[in-house]
């Protein structure tokens, strides 16, 4: 029984660490894509080019929600207390009574 509990703890820690590493990678790519959108808007690119850039950003967010859903299946509480929360998510959690 103790072995199963320690194995469960190791799986929890590894999934949380893996999510943090993936989130860090995702955030770097997100910043790069946002800068790409800003420069495309400032340089007045055509609508089709801007649309392809925005589609890439939307696909990137889809990847993030996929990551969050997978870690929620293993360690939901890490999502509530993780470093990844945006200010708006922290505000909503605060309004909902979560610390």
C-alpha atoms as a PDB file:
ATOM      1  CA  UNK A   1       0.000   0.000   0.000  1.00  0.00           C
ATOM      2  CA  UNK A   2       2.823   2.415   0.843  1.00  0.00           C
ATOM      3  CA  UNK A   3       4.487   1.626  -2.472  1.00  0.00           C
ATOM      4  CA  UNK A   4       1.298   2.451  -4.375  1.00  0.00           C
ATOM      5  CA  UNK A   5       0.962   5.747  -2.489  1.00  0.00           C
ATOM      6  CA  UNK A   6       4.571   6.722  -3.193  1.00  0.00           C
ATOM      7  CA  UNK A   7       4.203   5.720  -6.845  1.00  0.00           C
ATOM      8  CA  UNK A   8       1.056   7.853  -7.068  1.00  0.00           C
ATOM      9  CA  UNK A   9       2.983  10.797  -5.547  1.00  0.00           C
ATOM     10  CA  UNK A  10       5.826  10.397  -8.061  1.00  0.00           C
ATOM     11  CA  UNK A  11       3.343  10.381 -10.960  1.00  0.00           C
ATOM     12  CA  UNK A  12       1.686  13.527  -9.556  1.00  0.00           C
ATOM     13  CA  UNK A  13       4.998  15.379  -9.230  1.00  0.00           C
ATOM     14  CA  UNK A  14       6.204  14.331 -12.655  1.00  0.00           C
ATOM     15  CA  UNK A  15       2.989  15.422 -14.339  1.00  0.00           C
ATOM     16  CA  UNK A  16       3.102  18.788 -12.559  1.00  0.00           C
ATOM     17  CA  UNK A  17       6.749  19.314 -13.520  1.00  0.00           C
ATOM     18  CA  UNK A  18       6.086  18.232 -17.097  1.00  0.00           C
ATOM     19  CA  UNK A  19       3.205  20.681 -17.324  1.00  0.00           C
ATOM     20  CA  UNK A  20       5.384  23.499 -15.954  1.00  0.00           C
ATOM     21  CA  UNK A  21       8.106  22.733 -18.516  1.00  0.00           C
ATOM     22  CA  UNK A  22       5.588  22.550 -21.358  1.00  0.00           C
ATOM     23  CA  UNK A  23       3.900  25.736 -20.181  1.00  0.00           C
ATOM     24  CA  UNK A  24       7.244  27.536 -20.155  1.00  0.00           C
ATOM     25  CA  UNK A  25       7.864  26.391 -23.736  1.00  0.00           C
ATOM     26  CA  UNK A  26       4.310  27.341 -24.706  1.00  0.00           C
ATOM     27  CA  UNK A  27       4.685  30.803 -23.175  1.00  0.00           C
ATOM     28  CA  UNK A  28       7.892  31.526 -25.126  1.00  0.00           C
ATOM     29  CA  UNK A  29       6.173  30.527 -28.354  1.00  0.00           C
ATOM     30  CA  UNK A  30       3.113  32.578 -27.380  1.00  0.00           C
ATOM     31  CA  UNK A  31       5.224  35.701 -26.891  1.00  0.00           C
ATOM     32  CA  UNK A  32       6.862  35.133 -30.272  1.00  0.00           C
ATOM     33  CA  UNK A  33       3.483  34.750 -31.963  1.00  0.00           C
ATOM     34  CA  UNK A  34       2.034  37.853 -30.300  1.00  0.00           C
ATOM     35  CA  UNK A  35       5.016  39.864 -31.507  1.00  0.00           C
ATOM     36  CA  UNK A  36       4.426  38.461 -34.983  1.00  0.00           C
ATOM     37  CA  UNK A  37       0.777  39.590 -34.864  1.00  0.00           C
ATOM     38  CA  UNK A  38       1.797  43.068 -33.699  1.00  0.00           C
ATOM     39  CA  UNK A  39       4.378  43.502 -36.420  1.00  0.00           C
ATOM     40  CA  UNK A  40       1.926  42.225 -39.057  1.00  0.00           C
ATOM     41  CA  UNK A  41      -0.684  44.745 -37.939  1.00  0.00           C
ATOM     42  CA  UNK A  42       1.841  47.589 -37.851  1.00  0.00           C
ATOM     43  CA  UNK A  43       3.133  46.746 -41.315  1.00  0.00           C
ATOM     44  CA  UNK A  44      -0.412  46.535 -42.742  1.00  0.00           C
ATOM     45  CA  UNK A  45      -0.116  43.043 -44.223  1.00  0.00           C
ATOM     46  CA  UNK A  46      -2.905  41.707 -46.396  1.00  0.00           C
ATOM     47  CA  UNK A  47      -5.914  40.054 -44.792  1.00  0.00           C
ATOM     48  CA  UNK A  48      -5.028  36.544 -45.936  1.00  0.00           C
ATOM     49  CA  UNK A  49      -1.559  36.742 -44.359  1.00  0.00           C
ATOM     50  CA  UNK A  50      -2.996  38.191 -41.146  1.00  0.00           C
ATOM     51  CA  UNK A  51      -5.647  35.466 -41.104  1.00  0.00           C
ATOM     52  CA  UNK A  52      -2.996  32.734 -41.346  1.00  0.00           C
ATOM     53  CA  UNK A  53      -1.051  34.313 -38.459  1.00  0.00           C
ATOM     54  CA  UNK A  54      -4.194  34.541 -36.298  1.00  0.00           C
ATOM     55  CA  UNK A  55      -5.098  30.932 -37.153  1.00  0.00           C
ATOM     56  CA  UNK A  56      -1.650  29.913 -35.911  1.00  0.00           C
ATOM     57  CA  UNK A  57      -2.260  31.738 -32.629  1.00  0.00           C
ATOM     58  CA  UNK A  58      -5.655  30.067 -32.256  1.00  0.00           C
ATOM     59  CA  UNK A  59      -4.099  26.642 -32.863  1.00  0.00           C
ATOM     60  CA  UNK A  60      -1.466  27.478 -30.267  1.00  0.00           C
ATOM     61  CA  UNK A  61      -4.189  28.215 -27.701  1.00  0.00           C
ATOM     62  CA  UNK A  62      -5.876  24.939 -28.602  1.00  0.00           C
ATOM     63  CA  UNK A  63      -2.615  23.191 -27.734  1.00  0.00           C
ATOM     64  CA  UNK A  64      -2.573  24.990 -24.364  1.00  0.00           C
ATOM     65  CA  UNK A  65      -6.098  23.908 -23.491  1.00  0.00           C
ATOM     66  CA  UNK A  66      -5.198  20.350 -24.487  1.00  0.00           C
ATOM     67  CA  UNK A  67      -2.229  20.506 -22.091  1.00  0.00           C
ATOM     68  CA  UNK A  68      -4.430  21.861 -19.305  1.00  0.00           C
ATOM     69  CA  UNK A  69      -7.063  19.186 -19.817  1.00  0.00           C
ATOM     70  CA  UNK A  70      -4.461  16.421 -19.658  1.00  0.00           C
ATOM     71  CA  UNK A  71      -2.871  17.680 -16.455  1.00  0.00           C
ATOM     72  CA  UNK A  72      -6.330  18.196 -14.919  1.00  0.00           C
ATOM     73  CA  UNK A  73      -6.962  14.481 -15.303  1.00  0.00           C
ATOM     74  CA  UNK A  74      -3.889  13.730 -13.186  1.00  0.00           C
ATOM     75  CA  UNK A  75      -3.415  16.720 -10.852  1.00  0.00           C
ATOM     76  CA  UNK A  76      -6.300  19.171 -10.837  1.00  0.00           C
ATOM     77  CA  UNK A  77      -4.994  21.089  -7.829  1.00  0.00           C
ATOM     78  CA  UNK A  78      -1.811  21.970  -9.674  1.00  0.00           C
ATOM     79  CA  UNK A  79      -3.934  23.876 -12.162  1.00  0.00           C
ATOM     80  CA  UNK A  80      -5.547  25.851  -9.351  1.00  0.00           C
ATOM     81  CA  UNK A  81      -2.260  26.786  -7.721  1.00  0.00           C
ATOM     82  CA  UNK A  82       0.182  26.785 -10.635  1.00  0.00           C
ATOM     83  CA  UNK A  83       2.403  29.619 -11.795  1.00  0.00           C
ATOM     84  CA  UNK A  84       0.673  29.733 -15.150  1.00  0.00           C
ATOM     85  CA  UNK A  85      -2.484  31.605 -14.101  1.00  0.00           C
ATOM     86  CA  UNK A  86      -3.154  34.895 -15.831  1.00  0.00           C
ATOM     87  CA  UNK A  87      -4.289  37.946 -13.843  1.00  0.00           C
ATOM     88  CA  UNK A  88      -7.846  37.520 -15.117  1.00  0.00           C
ATOM     89  CA  UNK A  89      -7.905  33.863 -14.056  1.00  0.00           C
ATOM     90  CA  UNK A  90      -6.568  34.810 -10.608  1.00  0.00           C
ATOM     91  CA  UNK A  91      -9.299  37.440 -10.341  1.00  0.00           C
ATOM     92  CA  UNK A  92     -12.023  34.951 -11.252  1.00  0.00           C
ATOM     93  CA  UNK A  93     -10.680  32.435  -8.765  1.00  0.00           C
ATOM     94  CA  UNK A  94     -10.591  35.135  -6.098  1.00  0.00           C
ATOM     95  CA  UNK A  95     -14.185  36.104  -6.881  1.00  0.00           C
ATOM     96  CA  UNK A  96     -15.149  32.450  -6.645  1.00  0.00           C
ATOM     97  CA  UNK A  97     -13.618  32.166  -3.190  1.00  0.00           C
ATOM     98  CA  UNK A  98     -10.460  30.261  -4.104  1.00  0.00           C
ATOM     99  CA  UNK A  99      -7.215  31.606  -2.606  1.00  0.00           C
END
